[in-house]
C-alpha atoms as a PDB file:
ATOM      1  CA  MET A   1      89.423 130.787 150.362  1.00  0.00           C
ATOM      2  CA  GLY A   2      90.956 128.370 148.112  1.00  0.00           C
ATOM      3  CA  LEU A   3      94.374 126.782 148.530  1.00  0.00           C
ATOM      4  CA  SER A   4      96.169 129.308 146.529  1.00  0.00           C
ATOM      5  CA  ASP A   5      94.502 132.101 148.764  1.00  0.00           C
ATOM      6  CA  GLU A   6      95.619 130.284 151.764  1.00  0.00           C
ATOM      7  CA  GLN A   7      99.234 130.358 150.547  1.00  0.00           C
ATOM      8  CA  ARG A   8      99.014 133.819 149.844  1.00  0.00           C
ATOM      9  CA  ALA A   9      98.543 134.801 153.411  1.00  0.00           C
ATOM     10  CA  VAL A  10     102.323 133.585 153.932  1.00  0.00           C
ATOM     11  CA  GLY A  11     104.414 136.603 155.019  1.00  0.00           C
ATOM     12  CA  ARG A  12     101.513 138.851 155.571  1.00  0.00           C
ATOM     13  CA  GLU A  13     100.486 140.840 158.451  1.00  0.00           C
ATOM     14  CA  GLY A  14      97.726 140.081 160.782  1.00  0.00           C
ATOM     15  CA  LEU A  15      96.209 141.009 163.662  1.00  0.00           C
ATOM     16  CA  ILE A  16      94.908 138.668 166.622  1.00  0.00           C
ATOM     17  CA  ASN A  17      92.691 139.536 169.444  1.00  0.00           C
ATOM     18  CA  THR A  18      93.954 138.480 172.640  1.00  0.00           C
ATOM     19  CA  ASN A  19      91.757 139.826 176.206  1.00  0.00           C
ATOM     20  CA  GLY A  20      90.640 142.696 173.701  1.00  0.00           C
ATOM     21  CA  VAL A  21      94.067 143.867 172.786  1.00  0.00           C
ATOM     22  CA  ASP A  22      94.929 143.614 168.958  1.00  0.00           C
ATOM     23  CA  MET A  23      98.252 142.189 168.517  1.00  0.00           C
ATOM     24  CA  SER A  24     100.267 142.398 165.369  1.00  0.00           C
ATOM     25  CA  VAL A  25     101.893 139.263 163.852  1.00  0.00           C
ATOM     26  CA  ILE A  26     103.138 138.109 160.795  1.00  0.00           C
ATOM     27  CA  ILE A  27     101.946 134.466 159.172  1.00  0.00           C
ATOM     28  CA  ARG A  28     104.892 132.330 158.716  1.00  0.00           C
ATOM     29  CA  ASP A  29     103.104 128.985 157.498  1.00  0.00           C
ATOM     30  CA  VAL A  30      99.469 127.716 156.438  1.00  0.00           C
ATOM     31  CA  ARG A  31      98.268 124.090 157.528  1.00  0.00           C
ATOM     32  CA  LEU A  32      95.086 122.932 156.324  1.00  0.00           C
ATOM     33  CA  LYS A  33      92.746 120.489 158.158  1.00  0.00           C
ATOM     34  CA  PRO A  34      89.317 119.202 157.459  1.00  0.00           C
ATOM     35  CA  HIS A  35      87.241 122.465 157.322  1.00  0.00           C
ATOM     36  CA  ALA A  36      89.638 124.450 158.808  1.00  0.00           C
ATOM     37  CA  VAL A  37      92.865 126.587 158.178  1.00  0.00           C
ATOM     38  CA  ASP A  38      95.508 127.059 160.840  1.00  0.00           C
ATOM     39  CA  TYR A  39      98.269 130.030 160.623  1.00  0.00           C
ATOM     40  CA  LEU A  40     101.806 129.548 162.294  1.00  0.00           C
ATOM     41  CA  ILE A  41     102.074 133.271 163.409  1.00  0.00           C
ATOM     42  CA  GLU A  42     104.756 135.155 165.134  1.00  0.00           C
ATOM     43  CA  PRO A  43     104.819 138.544 166.607  1.00  0.00           C
ATOM     44  CA  THR A  44     106.196 141.607 164.729  1.00  0.00           C
ATOM     45  CA  ALA A  45     107.775 142.847 168.256  1.00  0.00           C
ATOM     46  CA  GLY A  46     108.888 140.253 170.556  1.00  0.00           C
ATOM     47  CA  LYS A  47     109.628 136.674 169.734  1.00  0.00           C
ATOM     48  CA  GLY A  48     108.054 133.267 169.547  1.00  0.00           C
ATOM     49  CA  LYS A  49     105.784 131.413 167.126  1.00  0.00           C
ATOM     50  CA  ALA A  50     102.283 129.703 167.603  1.00  0.00           C
ATOM     51  CA  TRP A  51      99.735 127.756 165.458  1.00  0.00           C
ATOM     52  CA  VAL A  52      96.348 129.401 165.796  1.00  0.00           C
ATOM     53  CA  ASP A  53      92.997 128.842 164.263  1.00  0.00           C
ATOM     54  CA  GLY A  54      92.931 130.779 160.912  1.00  0.00           C
ATOM     55  CA  ASP A  55      89.624 132.438 162.087  1.00  0.00           C
ATOM     56  CA  LEU A  56      91.485 134.200 164.900  1.00  0.00           C
ATOM     57  CA  VAL A  57      93.553 135.932 162.490  1.00  0.00           C
ATOM     58  CA  ARG A  58      92.418 139.175 160.623  1.00  0.00           C
ATOM     59  CA  ILE A  59      94.643 139.835 157.820  1.00  0.00           C
ATOM     60  CA  VAL A  60      95.786 143.536 157.346  1.00  0.00           C
ATOM     61  CA  GLY A  61      94.519 144.725 154.060  1.00  0.00           C
ATOM     62  CA  TRP A  62      92.788 141.540 152.965  1.00  0.00           C
ATOM     63  CA  SER A  63      89.540 141.692 150.969  1.00  0.00           C
ATOM     64  CA  GLU A  64      87.157 139.050 150.946  1.00  0.00           C
END
């Protein structure tokens, strides 16, 4: 995934699995780390934001 692909993730819907439950989130920001990408996510229902490892988020409709 190149930088432009990572930036395209902002504003997209994703799913994150927590204790066997897929939760719908919106990706609000992206930050690059050496050999990794983090996403700032917020739930589509509820409130709050958190940075998570990009590998934990499955972007809806994303084909690699």
